[in-house]
Every structure is written in C-alpha cells, then in structure tokens.
Amino acid sequence: MTLFETAPYQNLILTGAMGVGKTSIGRAVARRLHAEFFDLENEILAREGQSAEEIRETFGETRLRTLEAELLHDLTLHRYAVLAVTGPTMLDTTNRERLASSGVVLCLTCALNEILRRMHVARGAWFHDPAHRGALLSRLRRELAVNALDLPQLDTTSLSLEQTTAAVIEFWLEHAQL
C-alpha cells in the first residue's frame, strides 16, 4: 500500500445540509482510503440512545448543542478519519474552529430539488405525510445555513457517488498537510 492509498494524517470533515450525501460519501471515502468513519448524528444516537431530533424535541436545542460539543471534542482527537457533521453544528464558531484544527473541512452542497428527490426516495411514503414533510423542510431550512459560511464547497447535484468520492479524495489529499 502506497502513501496515496491511505488517508492523510489530518481528518476530513464533511458538512452540509441533509440529503447532500455526507454519510454515503464519507463512508465511501473512508473505505477507499482505509480510514475510520464517524457520523456525528450516529455517534449521538449510540451515546444517548436517542436521535439528535428526539433530544432537541425532548430536552431542547441547548442540550443537543452541548452533546455535540462534547462528542466533537472526542472525535477530533482521532486522526486519519472522516467525520460527517451536520450544517447547524458548523454554525457554532467553537465547533467550526475545533473541527478545522483537526483537519480539512469540505461543505457538500446540492440543488434543493435534488435534495427533495433524494429525501423522497429515502423516506418513501413517510415523505407524503404533510406533518412529516413540514418537519423535514423546517430542519432542512436550518441546515442550509451552512452554505453561507466561508467554506470550500463541492456541488453533488449531478455527480455520481463514484465521481463525488473521487473529487472528495482529491480535495482531501490536496489540502491536507501530509
């Protein structure tokens, strides 16, 4: 195995709104470069036994942000890892600085109609319920705020998983300090 077949020492942090491909792309990149993969929302679920949305509904936004900060502290201690982080997490300056200090940050973007198509495919009939769709759109509106940050971006709208994976790996290798 050569140096270019393994992940750089610095982490790769993928962020963006739901539906842009953070998890699937992150897993593919990690698998290809033999790196660890962590999804912040899955880590919250594993640690707390509840999803981020359930924690937000039950305990409020402040509790969720505190949990995210604690988990990010732990996750940024890893190296050679791919981290998938939601858009709202990146809006917090402390989180953004902590993540940037551990590696390279890339914001994945996607056209709104494609995000909605992907969510419809992933959620099926659940997506047709107006209450569910309304909650999803509200969450999406919060998450799209990350696109306004001054972060490098990659538009995944018309790219296949393989094309996006290759572009993300190229970005990581180019911007990471080997």
Protein backbone atom coordinates (compact mmCIF):
# COMPACT_ATOMS: atom_id res chain seq x y z
CA MET A 1 0.00 0.00 0.00
CA THR A 2 1.42 3.39 -1.01
CA LEU A 3 1.10 6.72 0.76
CA PHE A 4 -1.61 7.80 -1.69
CA GLU A 5 -3.75 4.74 -0.95
CA THR A 6 -4.12 5.71 2.69
CA ALA A 7 -5.79 8.62 4.39
CA PRO A 8 -3.79 11.72 5.31
CA TYR A 9 -2.90 12.29 8.95
CA GLN A 10 -5.37 15.17 9.17
CA ASN A 11 -9.09 14.39 9.33
CA LEU A 12 -11.58 15.13 6.59
CA ILE A 13 -14.70 16.88 7.86
CA LEU A 14 -17.73 16.72 5.56
CA THR A 15 -20.58 19.08 6.31
CA GLY A 16 -23.69 20.32 4.57
CA ALA A 17 -27.44 20.02 4.71
CA MET A 18 -29.28 16.72 4.90
CA GLY A 19 -29.55 14.96 1.56
CA VAL A 20 -26.26 16.18 0.09
CA GLY A 21 -24.51 12.85 0.66
CA LYS A 22 -22.32 13.39 3.74
CA THR A 23 -22.79 9.88 5.10
CA SER A 24 -22.67 7.84 1.89
CA ILE A 25 -19.74 9.83 0.52
CA GLY A 26 -17.94 9.81 3.87
CA ARG A 27 -18.27 6.04 4.13
CA ALA A 28 -17.06 5.55 0.55
CA VAL A 29 -14.02 7.79 1.08
CA ALA A 30 -13.15 6.11 4.37
CA ARG A 31 -13.48 2.65 2.85
CA ARG A 32 -11.32 3.57 -0.15
CA LEU A 33 -8.53 5.12 1.95
CA HIS A 34 -8.74 2.67 4.86
CA ALA A 35 -9.77 5.42 7.29
CA GLU A 36 -12.22 5.44 10.17
CA PHE A 37 -15.64 7.00 9.57
CA PHE A 38 -17.73 8.82 12.17
CA ASP A 39 -21.15 10.37 11.65
CA LEU A 40 -21.94 12.83 14.44
CA GLU A 41 -25.66 12.01 14.42
CA ASN A 42 -24.96 8.26 14.69
CA GLU A 43 -22.48 8.92 17.50
CA ILE A 44 -25.15 10.90 19.39
CA LEU A 45 -27.63 8.04 18.91
CA ALA A 46 -25.10 5.45 20.10
CA ARG A 47 -24.12 7.51 23.14
CA GLU A 48 -27.53 8.78 24.22
CA GLY A 49 -29.92 6.14 22.88
CA GLN A 50 -31.91 8.91 21.16
CA SER A 51 -31.55 10.69 17.84
CA ALA A 52 -30.49 14.32 17.65
CA GLU A 53 -34.07 15.27 16.69
CA GLU A 54 -35.51 13.39 19.69
CA ILE A 55 -33.03 15.11 22.01
CA ARG A 56 -33.93 18.51 20.51
CA GLU A 57 -37.66 17.83 20.97
CA THR A 58 -37.33 16.41 24.49
CA PHE A 59 -34.56 18.48 26.07
CA GLY A 60 -34.15 21.45 23.74
CA GLU A 61 -31.56 22.91 21.43
CA THR A 62 -29.13 23.79 24.24
CA ARG A 63 -28.80 20.17 25.40
CA LEU A 64 -28.25 18.98 21.82
CA ARG A 65 -25.53 21.59 21.20
CA THR A 66 -23.81 20.63 24.48
CA LEU A 67 -23.78 16.95 23.46
CA GLU A 68 -22.43 17.85 20.03
CA ALA A 69 -19.60 19.90 21.56
CA GLU A 70 -18.66 17.04 23.91
CA LEU A 71 -18.66 14.48 21.11
CA LEU A 72 -16.72 16.75 18.76
CA HIS A 73 -14.05 17.12 21.42
CA ASP A 74 -13.66 13.34 21.45
CA LEU A 75 -13.94 12.85 17.68
CA THR A 76 -11.34 15.50 16.84
CA LEU A 77 -8.77 13.52 18.83
CA HIS A 78 -8.84 10.92 16.03
CA ARG A 79 -6.55 11.13 13.03
CA TYR A 80 -6.85 9.52 9.58
CA ALA A 81 -10.63 9.80 9.97
CA VAL A 82 -13.61 11.07 8.00
CA LEU A 83 -16.18 12.96 10.09
CA ALA A 84 -19.70 13.75 8.84
CA VAL A 85 -21.12 16.76 10.68
CA THR A 86 -24.49 18.47 10.23
CA GLY A 87 -24.76 22.02 8.99
CA PRO A 88 -26.07 23.53 12.24
CA THR A 89 -23.12 22.05 14.14
CA MET A 90 -20.75 24.01 11.90
CA LEU A 91 -22.61 27.27 12.59
CA ASP A 92 -21.16 27.31 16.10
CA THR A 93 -17.80 29.11 15.93
CA THR A 94 -16.17 26.96 18.62
CA ASN A 95 -17.20 23.74 16.85
CA ARG A 96 -16.03 25.08 13.50
CA GLU A 97 -12.63 26.08 14.88
CA ARG A 98 -12.17 22.76 16.71
CA LEU A 99 -13.01 20.79 13.57
CA ALA A 100 -10.82 22.96 11.32
CA SER A 101 -7.88 22.48 13.70
CA SER A 102 -8.18 18.69 13.33
CA GLY A 103 -8.33 18.60 9.56
CA VAL A 104 -9.72 19.76 6.26
CA VAL A 105 -13.35 20.92 6.05
CA LEU A 106 -15.46 20.49 2.91
CA CYS A 107 -19.08 21.62 2.61
CA LEU A 108 -21.16 19.44 0.29
CA THR A 109 -23.98 21.26 -1.48
CA CYS A 110 -26.83 20.17 -3.70
CA ALA A 111 -29.71 21.79 -5.57
CA LEU A 112 -32.88 21.94 -3.45
CA ASN A 113 -34.95 19.93 -5.95
CA GLU A 114 -32.34 17.15 -5.88
CA ILE A 115 -32.24 17.15 -2.05
CA LEU A 116 -36.05 16.79 -2.01
CA ARG A 117 -35.89 14.00 -4.61
CA ARG A 118 -33.26 12.13 -2.55
CA MET A 119 -35.33 12.50 0.62
CA HIS A 120 -38.44 11.25 -1.20
CA VAL A 121 -36.53 8.19 -2.44
CA ALA A 122 -35.04 7.54 1.01
CA ARG A 123 -38.22 8.12 3.03
CA GLY A 124 -40.88 6.83 0.64
CA ALA A 125 -44.48 7.11 1.82
CA TRP A 126 -43.34 8.76 5.07
CA PHE A 127 -42.43 11.81 2.96
CA HIS A 128 -46.05 12.16 1.73
CA ASP A 129 -47.42 12.94 5.20
CA PRO A 130 -47.71 16.77 5.36
CA ALA A 131 -46.67 16.87 9.04
CA HIS A 132 -43.53 14.80 8.41
CA ARG A 133 -42.70 16.75 5.27
CA GLY A 134 -43.17 20.05 7.13
CA ALA A 135 -40.81 18.98 9.93
CA LEU A 136 -38.28 17.80 7.37
CA LEU A 137 -38.43 21.08 5.45
CA SER A 138 -38.04 23.05 8.67
CA ARG A 139 -34.94 21.04 9.54
CA LEU A 140 -33.61 21.44 6.01
CA ARG A 141 -34.03 25.22 6.22
CA ARG A 142 -31.86 25.25 9.40
CA GLU A 143 -29.25 23.02 7.83
CA LEU A 144 -28.92 25.04 4.61
CA ALA A 145 -27.50 27.96 6.61
CA VAL A 146 -24.09 26.22 6.48
CA ASN A 147 -23.87 27.10 2.76
CA ALA A 148 -23.42 30.77 3.71
CA LEU A 149 -20.21 30.04 5.67
CA ASP A 150 -16.87 30.71 4.04
CA LEU A 151 -16.03 27.02 3.49
CA PRO A 152 -14.79 25.21 0.38
CA GLN A 153 -17.80 23.66 -1.36
CA LEU A 154 -18.48 20.75 -3.69
CA ASP A 155 -21.83 20.55 -5.50
CA THR A 156 -23.04 16.92 -5.54
CA THR A 157 -26.20 17.60 -7.56
CA SER A 158 -25.21 15.92 -10.81
CA LEU A 159 -22.32 13.75 -9.61
CA SER A 160 -22.49 10.00 -9.05
CA LEU A 161 -21.28 8.51 -5.79
CA GLU A 162 -18.06 7.39 -7.51
CA GLN A 163 -17.43 10.83 -9.05
CA THR A 164 -18.09 12.61 -5.77
CA THR A 165 -15.90 10.16 -3.84
CA ALA A 166 -13.03 10.74 -6.25
CA ALA A 167 -13.43 14.54 -6.05
CA VAL A 168 -13.54 14.47 -2.24
CA ILE A 169 -10.44 12.25 -2.02
CA GLU A 170 -8.60 14.57 -4.40
CA PHE A 171 -9.63 17.57 -2.28
CA TRP A 172 -8.50 15.85 0.94
CA LEU A 173 -5.13 14.80 -0.44
CA GLU A 174 -4.55 18.21 -1.97
CA HIS A 175 -5.43 20.25 1.13
CA ALA A 176 -4.23 18.02 3.95
CA GLN A 177 -0.78 18.51 5.33
CA LEU A 178 0.85 15.14 4.74
